[in-house]
Amino acid sequence: KRTLSTRLLVTGGCMALLLYLALCNLYPLPLFNPICPEVDMRVFMMVNVVVFVIGALAANAVIGGGLVSLFTLKADHDTPAALCTLAVIAHGVVLIMNPDQIHTGESSFYFVIAALTLFANTVGKRMMILRIERNFAVASVDAQRTGEYLLSGDKLADKLAEGQGFSEPAIAYPVKVSFPEKFLKLSYSDDYSENFSRYIAPIFLLFAVGLSLVCWLVFDRSLIEAFTIFCVVLCMASPLTPTIVGNLPLLRAAKSLSREGAFISGYDAVETFEDMNCIVVDSGELYPAGGVEMHGIKAFAQSLIDEA
């Protein structure tokens, strides 16, 4: 949590500074004279690269993890951010070495997009850690715990839900547990968008390579212009919300459920229980102690009272 908080401050600060520098490239905003784009565009780009590299170093785990995931054919949320970051740094270095190719008003905005991607990635991961922390506080309370399991696809489920009109009954039932098994594994389970990134990230990488080659070979543009196309495609293919879209609703659920002494372990639990249509409750939950007062029992059909 402390590491992510630090990363959030560094990437957020770098993003804000890069945005200001990009606006200085478009509008007459106050800026130190030596690094003004109209004074020396190469120095201006060097400052952008240095600021962005600081943010990238703070998010080195994202870049390293994203590349490892890509090369092991298990691309994840970090992969598009890592590819975008490396492409933008390389593109900035190439422009510094070829200042005549720098065009006022556009080149520095790639740094802002990549920095915003790293910042948003960190926001979503910090949401995940806050959710796990809150859930663990509930799980570690010294009290009797109950875990929910799902019964579906067998005769017992059909029998329990008989007459309710469910084509495939899925019944949630409680079981007393000592401590939630595989707590961390379930807490860190991938959401559906992570599986989506597994295929989209390498596809967009190939798409970026293909477009840049078309630009260079078919339209006879320079290598720097082809590389700019490559950088632009990877910036477009690096979404801001993949780590947020799954963790934000789970964090909100954790805040609400923790007040009731309950939690959802992770996205695996959401997917497991998404088709739930019945629930088993203990009689003590329906009729707590003191909730029912018996005045008498009338026997019937020659049955014993306890059987009745």
C-alpha atoms as a PDB file:
ATOM      1  CA  LYS A   1       0.000   0.000   0.000  1.00  0.00           C
ATOM      2  CA  ARG A   2       2.837   2.403   0.861  1.00  0.00           C
ATOM      3  CA  THR A   3       4.625   1.545  -2.391  1.00  0.00           C
ATOM      4  CA  LEU A   4       1.508   2.207  -4.459  1.00  0.00           C
ATOM      5  CA  SER A   5       0.840   5.465  -2.599  1.00  0.00           C
ATOM      6  CA  THR A   6       4.362   6.642  -3.411  1.00  0.00           C
ATOM      7  CA  ARG A   7       3.990   5.540  -7.037  1.00  0.00           C
ATOM      8  CA  LEU A   8       0.661   7.371  -7.209  1.00  0.00           C
ATOM      9  CA  LEU A   9       2.246  10.638  -6.020  1.00  0.00           C
ATOM     10  CA  VAL A  10       5.233  10.372  -8.393  1.00  0.00           C
ATOM     11  CA  THR A  11       3.282   9.358 -11.503  1.00  0.00           C
ATOM     12  CA  GLY A  12       0.567  11.914 -10.737  1.00  0.00           C
ATOM     13  CA  GLY A  13       3.118  14.686 -10.273  1.00  0.00           C
ATOM     14  CA  CYS A  14       4.964  13.742 -13.475  1.00  0.00           C
ATOM     15  CA  MET A  15       1.692  13.588 -15.390  1.00  0.00           C
ATOM     16  CA  ALA A  16       0.676  17.078 -14.185  1.00  0.00           C
ATOM     17  CA  LEU A  17       4.087  18.522 -15.068  1.00  0.00           C
ATOM     18  CA  LEU A  18       4.093  16.885 -18.507  1.00  0.00           C
ATOM     19  CA  LEU A  19       0.603  18.206 -19.193  1.00  0.00           C
ATOM     20  CA  TYR A  20       1.746  21.718 -18.314  1.00  0.00           C
ATOM     21  CA  LEU A  21       4.788  21.359 -20.587  1.00  0.00           C
ATOM     22  CA  ALA A  22       2.562  20.117 -23.419  1.00  0.00           C
ATOM     23  CA  LEU A  23       0.264  23.125 -22.990  1.00  0.00           C
ATOM     24  CA  CYS A  24       3.327  25.394 -22.997  1.00  0.00           C
ATOM     25  CA  ASN A  25       4.054  23.944 -26.421  1.00  0.00           C
ATOM     26  CA  LEU A  26       0.657  25.209 -27.598  1.00  0.00           C
ATOM     27  CA  TYR A  27      -0.005  28.366 -25.602  1.00  0.00           C
ATOM     28  CA  PRO A  28       2.167  31.222 -24.239  1.00  0.00           C
ATOM     29  CA  LEU A  29       2.228  29.954 -20.651  1.00  0.00           C
ATOM     30  CA  PRO A  30       5.017  30.947 -18.231  1.00  0.00           C
ATOM     31  CA  LEU A  31       8.056  28.659 -18.426  1.00  0.00           C
ATOM     32  CA  PHE A  32      11.792  28.932 -17.729  1.00  0.00           C
ATOM     33  CA  ASN A  33      13.292  30.587 -20.758  1.00  0.00           C
ATOM     34  CA  PRO A  34      16.075  27.996 -21.407  1.00  0.00           C
ATOM     35  CA  ILE A  35      13.555  25.199 -21.841  1.00  0.00           C
ATOM     36  CA  CYS A  36      10.885  27.103 -23.766  1.00  0.00           C
ATOM     37  CA  PRO A  37      10.002  25.237 -26.977  1.00  0.00           C
ATOM     38  CA  GLU A  38      10.402  28.379 -29.067  1.00  0.00           C
ATOM     39  CA  VAL A  39      13.932  28.883 -27.666  1.00  0.00           C
ATOM     40  CA  ASP A  40      15.335  25.357 -28.015  1.00  0.00           C
ATOM     41  CA  MET A  41      13.028  22.505 -29.010  1.00  0.00           C
ATOM     42  CA  ARG A  42      15.687  19.862 -28.314  1.00  0.00           C
ATOM     43  CA  VAL A  43      16.126  21.009 -24.711  1.00  0.00           C
ATOM     44  CA  PHE A  44      12.348  21.153 -24.311  1.00  0.00           C
ATOM     45  CA  MET A  45      12.038  17.538 -25.490  1.00  0.00           C
ATOM     46  CA  MET A  46      14.914  16.468 -23.246  1.00  0.00           C
ATOM     47  CA  VAL A  47      13.071  17.897 -20.221  1.00  0.00           C
ATOM     48  CA  ASN A  48       9.931  15.980 -21.241  1.00  0.00           C
ATOM     49  CA  VAL A  49      11.899  12.745 -21.555  1.00  0.00           C
ATOM     50  CA  VAL A  50      13.605  13.208 -18.177  1.00  0.00           C
ATOM     51  CA  VAL A  51      10.327  13.950 -16.374  1.00  0.00           C
ATOM     52  CA  PHE A  52       8.614  10.973 -17.995  1.00  0.00           C
ATOM     53  CA  VAL A  53      11.508   8.622 -17.244  1.00  0.00           C
ATOM     54  CA  ILE A  54      11.213   9.581 -13.553  1.00  0.00           C
ATOM     55  CA  GLY A  55       7.547   8.557 -13.631  1.00  0.00           C
ATOM     56  CA  ALA A  56       8.413   5.362 -15.531  1.00  0.00           C
ATOM     57  CA  LEU A  57      11.081   4.440 -12.966  1.00  0.00           C
ATOM     58  CA  ALA A  58       8.520   4.861 -10.192  1.00  0.00           C
ATOM     59  CA  ALA A  59       6.268   2.436 -12.098  1.00  0.00           C
ATOM     60  CA  ASN A  60       9.068   0.031 -13.028  1.00  0.00           C
ATOM     61  CA  ALA A  61       7.046  -2.913 -11.678  1.00  0.00           C
ATOM     62  CA  VAL A  62       4.335  -2.189 -14.255  1.00  0.00           C
ATOM     63  CA  ILE A  63       6.828  -2.088 -17.126  1.00  0.00           C
ATOM     64  CA  GLY A  64       8.774  -5.162 -16.027  1.00  0.00           C
ATOM     65  CA  GLY A  65       5.662  -7.182 -15.230  1.00  0.00           C
ATOM     66  CA  GLY A  66       3.956  -6.177 -18.470  1.00  0.00           C
ATOM     67  CA  LEU A  67       6.916  -7.226 -20.609  1.00  0.00           C
ATOM     68  CA  VAL A  68       7.367 -10.539 -18.787  1.00  0.00           C
ATOM     69  CA  SER A  69       3.655 -11.254 -19.243  1.00  0.00           C
ATOM     70  CA  LEU A  70       3.893 -10.462 -22.945  1.00  0.00           C
ATOM     71  CA  PHE A  71       6.921 -12.687 -23.574  1.00  0.00           C
ATOM     72  CA  THR A  72       5.343 -15.567 -21.644  1.00  0.00           C
ATOM     73  CA  LEU A  73       2.169 -15.205 -23.769  1.00  0.00           C
ATOM     74  CA  LYS A  74       0.129 -14.182 -20.719  1.00  0.00           C
ATOM     75  CA  ALA A  75      -0.383 -10.479 -21.375  1.00  0.00           C
ATOM     76  CA  ASP A  76      -2.214  -8.601 -18.613  1.00  0.00           C
ATOM     77  CA  HIS A  77      -3.280  -5.079 -17.663  1.00  0.00           C
ATOM     78  CA  ASP A  78       0.361  -3.980 -17.374  1.00  0.00           C
ATOM     79  CA  THR A  79       1.331  -5.031 -20.902  1.00  0.00           C
ATOM     80  CA  PRO A  80      -0.301  -2.156 -22.876  1.00  0.00           C
ATOM     81  CA  ALA A  81       1.031   0.397 -20.368  1.00  0.00           C
ATOM     82  CA  ALA A  82       4.546  -1.087 -20.607  1.00  0.00           C
ATOM     83  CA  LEU A  83       4.550  -1.094 -24.418  1.00  0.00           C
ATOM     84  CA  CYS A  84       3.201   2.462 -24.547  1.00  0.00           C
ATOM     85  CA  THR A  85       5.810   3.675 -22.033  1.00  0.00           C
ATOM     86  CA  LEU A  86       8.787   2.161 -23.843  1.00  0.00           C
ATOM     87  CA  ALA A  87       7.546   3.351 -27.241  1.00  0.00           C
ATOM     88  CA  VAL A  88       7.102   6.928 -25.998  1.00  0.00           C
ATOM     89  CA  ILE A  89      10.575   7.004 -24.393  1.00  0.00           C
ATOM     90  CA  ALA A  90      12.199   5.614 -27.543  1.00  0.00           C
ATOM     91  CA  HIS A  91      10.238   8.058 -29.700  1.00  0.00           C
ATOM     92  CA  GLY A  92      11.343  10.982 -27.524  1.00  0.00           C
ATOM     93  CA  VAL A  93      14.992   9.940 -27.734  1.00  0.00           C
ATOM     94  CA  VAL A  94      14.780   9.630 -31.524  1.00  0.00           C
ATOM     95  CA  LEU A  95      13.292  13.126 -31.792  1.00  0.00           C
ATOM     96  CA  ILE A  96      16.024  14.564 -29.562  1.00  0.00           C
ATOM     97  CA  MET A  97      18.589  13.067 -31.918  1.00  0.00           C
ATOM     98  CA  ASN A  98      16.697  14.518 -34.897  1.00  0.00           C
ATOM     99  CA  PRO A  99      15.371  17.904 -33.745  1.00  0.00           C
ATOM    100  CA  ASP A 100      14.414  18.929 -37.289  1.00  0.00           C
ATOM    101  CA  GLN A 101      11.651  16.286 -37.111  1.00  0.00           C
ATOM    102  CA  ILE A 102      10.016  17.800 -34.013  1.00  0.00           C
ATOM    103  CA  HIS A 103       6.728  19.509 -34.801  1.00  0.00           C
ATOM    104  CA  THR A 104       5.440  22.166 -32.411  1.00  0.00           C
ATOM    105  CA  GLY A 105       2.199  21.307 -30.679  1.00  0.00           C
ATOM    106  CA  GLU A 106       2.049  17.531 -31.022  1.00  0.00           C
ATOM    107  CA  SER A 107       5.228  15.640 -30.117  1.00  0.00           C
ATOM    108  CA  SER A 108       5.087  16.253 -26.362  1.00  0.00           C
ATOM    109  CA  PHE A 109       1.498  15.038 -25.924  1.00  0.00           C
ATOM    110  CA  TYR A 110       2.559  11.394 -26.230  1.00  0.00           C
ATOM    111  CA  PHE A 111       4.352  11.761 -22.896  1.00  0.00           C
ATOM    112  CA  VAL A 112       1.121  12.964 -21.269  1.00  0.00           C
ATOM    113  CA  ILE A 113      -0.863   9.992 -22.587  1.00  0.00           C
ATOM    114  CA  ALA A 114       1.709   7.454 -21.399  1.00  0.00           C
ATOM    115  CA  ALA A 115       2.054   9.150 -17.987  1.00  0.00           C
ATOM    116  CA  LEU A 116      -1.725   9.184 -17.590  1.00  0.00           C
ATOM    117  CA  THR A 117      -1.777   5.451 -18.401  1.00  0.00           C
ATOM    118  CA  LEU A 118       0.764   4.696 -15.645  1.00  0.00           C
ATOM    119  CA  PHE A 119      -1.137   6.905 -13.187  1.00  0.00           C
ATOM    120  CA  ALA A 120      -4.496   5.230 -13.912  1.00  0.00           C
ATOM    121  CA  ASN A 121      -2.885   1.789 -13.650  1.00  0.00           C
ATOM    122  CA  THR A 122      -1.639   2.694 -10.174  1.00  0.00           C
ATOM    123  CA  VAL A 123      -5.031   4.063  -9.121  1.00  0.00           C
ATOM    124  CA  GLY A 124      -6.723   0.754  -9.943  1.00  0.00           C
ATOM    125  CA  LYS A 125      -4.076  -1.320  -8.157  1.00  0.00           C
ATOM    126  CA  ARG A 126      -4.313   0.833  -5.055  1.00  0.00           C
ATOM    127  CA  MET A 127      -8.083   0.261  -5.080  1.00  0.00           C
ATOM    128  CA  MET A 128      -7.399  -3.482  -5.110  1.00  0.00           C
ATOM    129  CA  ILE A 129      -5.020  -3.255  -2.132  1.00  0.00           C
ATOM    130  CA  LEU A 130      -7.473  -1.098  -0.153  1.00  0.00           C
ATOM    131  CA  ARG A 131     -10.203  -3.663  -0.833  1.00  0.00           C
ATOM    132  CA  ILE A 132      -8.002  -6.595   0.263  1.00  0.00           C
ATOM    133  CA  GLU A 133      -6.941  -4.704   3.382  1.00  0.00           C
ATOM    134  CA  ARG A 134     -10.558  -3.968   4.319  1.00  0.00           C
ATOM    135  CA  ASN A 135     -11.623  -7.564   3.624  1.00  0.00           C
ATOM    136  CA  PHE A 136      -8.773  -8.984   5.695  1.00  0.00           C
ATOM    137  CA  ALA A 137      -9.833  -6.823   8.638  1.00  0.00           C
ATOM    138  CA  VAL A 138     -13.215  -8.564   8.473  1.00  0.00           C
ATOM    139  CA  ALA A 139     -11.747 -12.037   7.908  1.00  0.00           C
ATOM    140  CA  SER A 140      -9.323 -11.757  10.851  1.00  0.00           C
ATOM    141  CA  VAL A 141     -11.935 -10.849  13.471  1.00  0.00           C
ATOM    142  CA  ASP A 142     -11.998 -13.431  16.268  1.00  0.00           C
ATOM    143  CA  ALA A 143     -15.522 -14.698  15.655  1.00  0.00           C
ATOM    144  CA  GLN A 144     -17.381 -17.574  14.058  1.00  0.00           C
ATOM    145  CA  ARG A 145     -17.073 -17.235  10.286  1.00  0.00           C
ATOM    146  CA  THR A 146     -19.375 -18.482   7.574  1.00  0.00           C
ATOM    147  CA  GLY A 147     -18.367 -19.103   3.974  1.00  0.00           C
ATOM    148  CA  GLU A 148     -20.776 -19.239   1.057  1.00  0.00           C
ATOM    149  CA  TYR A 149     -20.642 -22.111  -1.426  1.00  0.00           C
ATOM    150  CA  LEU A 150     -22.669 -22.859  -4.543  1.00  0.00           C
ATOM    151  CA  LEU A 151     -24.708 -25.968  -5.261  1.00  0.00           C
ATOM    152  CA  SER A 152     -25.727 -26.450  -8.880  1.00  0.00           C
ATOM    153  CA  GLY A 153     -25.979 -29.027 -11.617  1.00  0.00           C
ATOM    154  CA  ASP A 154     -26.972 -32.073  -9.541  1.00  0.00           C
ATOM    155  CA  LYS A 155     -30.093 -33.856  -8.277  1.00  0.00           C
ATOM    156  CA  LEU A 156     -29.977 -32.300  -4.820  1.00  0.00           C
ATOM    157  CA  ALA A 157     -30.094 -28.779  -6.314  1.00  0.00           C
ATOM    158  CA  ASP A 158     -33.029 -29.792  -8.533  1.00  0.00           C
ATOM    159  CA  LYS A 159     -34.836 -31.305  -5.559  1.00  0.00           C
ATOM    160  CA  LEU A 160     -34.324 -28.277  -3.310  1.00  0.00           C
ATOM    161  CA  ALA A 161     -35.569 -25.864  -5.997  1.00  0.00           C
ATOM    162  CA  GLU A 162     -38.412 -28.102  -7.179  1.00  0.00           C
ATOM    163  CA  GLY A 163     -41.482 -26.170  -8.244  1.00  0.00           C
ATOM    164  CA  GLN A 164     -39.714 -22.794  -8.380  1.00  0.00           C
ATOM    165  CA  GLY A 165     -39.460 -22.709 -12.185  1.00  0.00           C
ATOM    166  CA  PHE A 166     -35.648 -22.583 -12.432  1.00  0.00           C
ATOM    167  CA  SER A 167     -34.256 -24.452 -15.425  1.00  0.00           C
ATOM    168  CA  GLU A 168     -30.806 -24.616 -13.749  1.00  0.00           C
ATOM    169  CA  PRO A 169     -31.036 -23.940 -10.021  1.00  0.00           C
ATOM    170  CA  ALA A 170     -27.893 -22.457  -8.450  1.00  0.00           C
ATOM    171  CA  ILE A 171     -28.218 -22.492  -4.678  1.00  0.00           C
ATOM    172  CA  ALA A 172     -25.918 -20.594  -2.349  1.00  0.00           C
ATOM    173  CA  TYR A 173     -25.533 -22.244   1.059  1.00  0.00           C
ATOM    174  CA  PRO A 174     -23.529 -21.288   4.165  1.00  0.00           C
ATOM    175  CA  VAL A 175     -20.801 -23.403   5.792  1.00  0.00           C
ATOM    176  CA  LYS A 176     -19.009 -22.612   9.033  1.00  0.00           C
ATOM    177  CA  VAL A 177     -15.271 -22.102   8.417  1.00  0.00           C
ATOM    178  CA  SER A 178     -12.247 -21.410  10.604  1.00  0.00           C
ATOM    179  CA  PHE A 179     -10.648 -18.953   8.157  1.00  0.00           C
ATOM    180  CA  PRO A 180     -11.348 -18.208   4.457  1.00  0.00           C
ATOM    181  CA  GLU A 181      -9.260 -20.677   2.449  1.00  0.00           C
ATOM    182  CA  LYS A 182      -6.944 -19.254  -0.261  1.00  0.00           C
ATOM    183  CA  PHE A 183      -7.800 -15.717   0.836  1.00  0.00           C
ATOM    184  CA  LEU A 184      -4.998 -13.980  -1.074  1.00  0.00           C
ATOM    185  CA  LYS A 185      -5.292 -16.163  -4.181  1.00  0.00           C
ATOM    186  CA  LEU A 186      -8.991 -15.376  -4.463  1.00  0.00           C
ATOM    187  CA  SER A 187      -8.424 -11.706  -3.623  1.00  0.00           C
ATOM    188  CA  TYR A 188      -5.923 -11.302  -6.478  1.00  0.00           C
ATOM    189  CA  SER A 189      -7.967 -13.316  -8.989  1.00  0.00           C
ATOM    190  CA  ASP A 190      -8.138 -11.845 -12.514  1.00  0.00           C
ATOM    191  CA  ASP A 191     -11.246 -10.054 -13.693  1.00  0.00           C
ATOM    192  CA  TYR A 192     -12.750 -10.488 -17.143  1.00  0.00           C
ATOM    193  CA  SER A 193     -10.944  -7.458 -18.583  1.00  0.00           C
ATOM    194  CA  GLU A 194      -7.562  -8.997 -17.691  1.00  0.00           C
ATOM    195  CA  ASN A 195      -8.393 -12.022 -19.841  1.00  0.00           C
ATOM    196  CA  PHE A 196      -9.404  -9.580 -22.570  1.00  0.00           C
ATOM    197  CA  SER A 197      -5.983  -7.873 -22.401  1.00  0.00           C
ATOM    198  CA  ARG A 198      -4.312 -11.248 -22.910  1.00  0.00           C
ATOM    199  CA  TYR A 199      -5.396 -11.210 -26.533  1.00  0.00           C
ATOM    200  CA  ILE A 200      -5.775  -7.516 -27.320  1.00  0.00           C
ATOM    201  CA  ALA A 201      -2.267  -6.390 -26.270  1.00  0.00           C
ATOM    202  CA  PRO A 202      -0.276  -8.611 -28.694  1.00  0.00           C
ATOM    203  CA  ILE A 203      -2.804  -7.951 -31.467  1.00  0.00           C
ATOM    204  CA  PHE A 204      -2.343  -4.184 -31.159  1.00  0.00           C
ATOM    205  CA  LEU A 205       1.444  -4.600 -31.019  1.00  0.00           C
ATOM    206  CA  LEU A 206       1.350  -6.461 -34.345  1.00  0.00           C
ATOM    207  CA  PHE A 207      -1.104  -3.878 -35.680  1.00  0.00           C
ATOM    208  CA  ALA A 208       1.301  -1.057 -34.717  1.00  0.00           C
ATOM    209  CA  VAL A 209       4.217  -2.813 -36.439  1.00  0.00           C
ATOM    210  CA  GLY A 210       2.102  -3.434 -39.538  1.00  0.00           C
ATOM    211  CA  LEU A 211       0.899   0.179 -39.826  1.00  0.00           C
ATOM    212  CA  SER A 212       4.389   1.591 -39.367  1.00  0.00           C
ATOM    213  CA  LEU A 213       5.727  -0.721 -42.096  1.00  0.00           C
ATOM    214  CA  VAL A 214       2.916   0.346 -44.428  1.00  0.00           C
ATOM    215  CA  CYS A 215       3.740   3.993 -43.717  1.00  0.00           C
ATOM    216  CA  TRP A 216       7.424   3.418 -44.448  1.00  0.00           C
ATOM    217  CA  LEU A 217       7.296   1.004 -47.394  1.00  0.00           C
ATOM    218  CA  VAL A 218       4.001   1.782 -49.120  1.00  0.00           C
ATOM    219  CA  PHE A 219       3.672   5.533 -48.579  1.00  0.00           C
ATOM    220  CA  ASP A 220       7.446   6.098 -48.714  1.00  0.00           C
ATOM    221  CA  ARG A 221       7.599   8.088 -45.483  1.00  0.00           C
ATOM    222  CA  SER A 222      10.701   8.449 -43.315  1.00  0.00           C
ATOM    223  CA  LEU A 223      11.625   5.956 -40.597  1.00  0.00           C
ATOM    224  CA  ILE A 224      10.925   8.576 -37.929  1.00  0.00           C
ATOM    225  CA  GLU A 225       7.415   9.158 -39.279  1.00  0.00           C
ATOM    226  CA  ALA A 226       6.839   5.390 -39.388  1.00  0.00           C
ATOM    227  CA  PHE A 227       8.045   5.121 -35.789  1.00  0.00           C
ATOM    228  CA  THR A 228       5.677   7.952 -34.831  1.00  0.00           C
ATOM    229  CA  ILE A 229       2.787   5.890 -36.232  1.00  0.00           C
ATOM    230  CA  PHE A 230       3.997   2.929 -34.146  1.00  0.00           C
ATOM    231  CA  CYS A 231       4.064   5.119 -31.022  1.00  0.00           C
ATOM    232  CA  VAL A 232       0.629   6.627 -31.701  1.00  0.00           C
ATOM    233  CA  VAL A 233      -1.040   3.225 -32.140  1.00  0.00           C
ATOM    234  CA  LEU A 234       0.399   1.914 -28.858  1.00  0.00           C
ATOM    235  CA  CYS A 235      -0.763   5.082 -27.079  1.00  0.00           C
ATOM    236  CA  MET A 236      -4.273   4.573 -28.457  1.00  0.00           C
ATOM    237  CA  ALA A 237      -4.178   0.874 -27.523  1.00  0.00           C
ATOM    238  CA  SER A 238      -3.266   1.562 -23.880  1.00  0.00           C
ATOM    239  CA  PRO A 239      -6.611   2.116 -22.096  1.00  0.00           C
ATOM    240  CA  LEU A 240      -6.840   4.054 -18.848  1.00  0.00           C
ATOM    241  CA  THR A 241      -9.413   1.970 -17.007  1.00  0.00           C
ATOM    242  CA  PRO A 242      -8.514  -1.765 -17.117  1.00  0.00           C
ATOM    243  CA  THR A 243      -7.282  -1.894 -13.506  1.00  0.00           C
ATOM    244  CA  ILE A 244     -10.118   0.388 -12.355  1.00  0.00           C
ATOM    245  CA  VAL A 245     -13.128  -1.214 -14.052  1.00  0.00           C
ATOM    246  CA  GLY A 246     -12.990  -4.378 -11.932  1.00  0.00           C
ATOM    247  CA  ASN A 247     -11.593  -2.975  -8.684  1.00  0.00           C
ATOM    248  CA  LEU A 248     -13.830   0.076  -8.232  1.00  0.00           C
ATOM    249  CA  PRO A 249     -17.135  -1.847  -7.820  1.00  0.00           C
ATOM    250  CA  LEU A 250     -15.419  -4.435  -5.595  1.00  0.00           C
ATOM    251  CA  LEU A 251     -13.984  -1.665  -3.406  1.00  0.00           C
ATOM    252  CA  ARG A 252     -17.399  -0.041  -3.095  1.00  0.00           C
ATOM    253  CA  ALA A 253     -18.878  -3.426  -2.182  1.00  0.00           C
ATOM    254  CA  ALA A 254     -16.144  -3.937   0.423  1.00  0.00           C
ATOM    255  CA  LYS A 255     -16.975  -0.598   2.060  1.00  0.00           C
ATOM    256  CA  SER A 256     -20.660  -1.512   2.310  1.00  0.00           C
ATOM    257  CA  LEU A 257     -20.264  -5.166   3.294  1.00  0.00           C
ATOM    258  CA  SER A 258     -17.529  -4.613   5.888  1.00  0.00           C
ATOM    259  CA  ARG A 259     -20.048  -2.725   8.030  1.00  0.00           C
ATOM    260  CA  GLU A 260     -22.107  -5.923   8.093  1.00  0.00           C
ATOM    261  CA  GLY A 261     -19.108  -8.152   8.847  1.00  0.00           C
ATOM    262  CA  ALA A 262     -19.010  -9.648   5.350  1.00  0.00           C
ATOM    263  CA  PHE A 263     -16.881  -9.433   2.201  1.00  0.00           C
ATOM    264  CA  ILE A 264     -16.553 -10.631  -1.390  1.00  0.00           C
ATOM    265  CA  SER A 265     -13.136 -12.261  -1.776  1.00  0.00           C
ATOM    266  CA  GLY A 266     -12.483 -11.249  -5.388  1.00  0.00           C
ATOM    267  CA  TYR A 267     -13.612 -11.444  -8.972  1.00  0.00           C
ATOM    268  CA  ASP A 268     -13.663 -15.248  -8.981  1.00  0.00           C
ATOM    269  CA  ALA A 269     -16.401 -15.072  -6.355  1.00  0.00           C
ATOM    270  CA  VAL A 270     -18.387 -12.632  -8.481  1.00  0.00           C
ATOM    271  CA  GLU A 271     -18.221 -14.939 -11.492  1.00  0.00           C
ATOM    272  CA  THR A 272     -19.022 -18.022  -9.382  1.00  0.00           C
ATOM    273  CA  PHE A 273     -22.153 -16.527  -7.854  1.00  0.00           C
ATOM    274  CA  GLU A 274     -23.391 -14.465 -10.812  1.00  0.00           C
ATOM    275  CA  ASP A 275     -26.002 -17.126 -11.721  1.00  0.00           C
ATOM    276  CA  MET A 276     -27.210 -17.673  -8.141  1.00  0.00           C
ATOM    277  CA  ASN A 277     -31.022 -17.832  -7.959  1.00  0.00           C
ATOM    278  CA  CYS A 278     -31.672 -19.523  -4.578  1.00  0.00           C
ATOM    279  CA  ILE A 279     -30.187 -19.223  -1.120  1.00  0.00           C
ATOM    280  CA  VAL A 280     -30.224 -21.521   1.915  1.00  0.00           C
ATOM    281  CA  VAL A 281     -30.568 -19.852   5.316  1.00  0.00           C
ATOM    282  CA  ASP A 282     -30.407 -21.279   8.801  1.00  0.00           C
ATOM    283  CA  SER A 283     -33.631 -21.351  10.783  1.00  0.00           C
ATOM    284  CA  GLY A 284     -31.896 -19.278  13.434  1.00  0.00           C
ATOM    285  CA  GLU A 285     -31.501 -16.458  10.918  1.00  0.00           C
ATOM    286  CA  LEU A 286     -35.229 -16.480  10.157  1.00  0.00           C
ATOM    287  CA  TYR A 287     -36.286 -16.940  13.797  1.00  0.00           C
ATOM    288  CA  PRO A 288     -33.561 -15.574  16.094  1.00  0.00           C
ATOM    289  CA  ALA A 289     -33.574 -16.349  19.807  1.00  0.00           C
ATOM    290  CA  GLY A 290     -36.558 -14.652  21.420  1.00  0.00           C
ATOM    291  CA  GLY A 291     -38.239 -14.018  18.085  1.00  0.00           C
ATOM    292  CA  VAL A 292     -40.875 -16.761  18.483  1.00  0.00           C
ATOM    293  CA  GLU A 293     -42.992 -17.617  21.520  1.00  0.00           C
ATOM    294  CA  MET A 294     -44.679 -21.043  21.582  1.00  0.00           C
ATOM    295  CA  HIS A 295     -48.065 -21.225  23.329  1.00  0.00           C
ATOM    296  CA  GLY A 296     -48.830 -24.802  22.422  1.00  0.00           C
ATOM    297  CA  ILE A 297     -48.362 -27.561  19.828  1.00  0.00           C
ATOM    298  CA  LYS A 298     -51.267 -29.545  18.396  1.00  0.00           C
ATOM    299  CA  ALA A 299     -50.321 -33.063  17.267  1.00  0.00           C
ATOM    300  CA  PHE A 300     -51.780 -34.400  14.022  1.00  0.00           C
ATOM    301  CA  ALA A 301     -51.925 -37.538  11.854  1.00  0.00           C
ATOM    302  CA  GLN A 302     -50.542 -39.713  14.689  1.00  0.00           C
ATOM    303  CA  SER A 303     -47.081 -38.158  14.147  1.00  0.00           C
ATOM    304  CA  LEU A 304     -44.581 -37.485  16.882  1.00  0.00           C
ATOM    305  CA  ILE A 305     -44.302 -33.806  17.763  1.00  0.00           C
ATOM    306  CA  ASP A 306     -40.589 -33.524  16.879  1.00  0.00           C
ATOM    307  CA  GLU A 307     -41.192 -35.144  13.477  1.00  0.00           C
ATOM    308  CA  ALA A 308     -44.133 -32.877  12.818  1.00  0.00           C
END
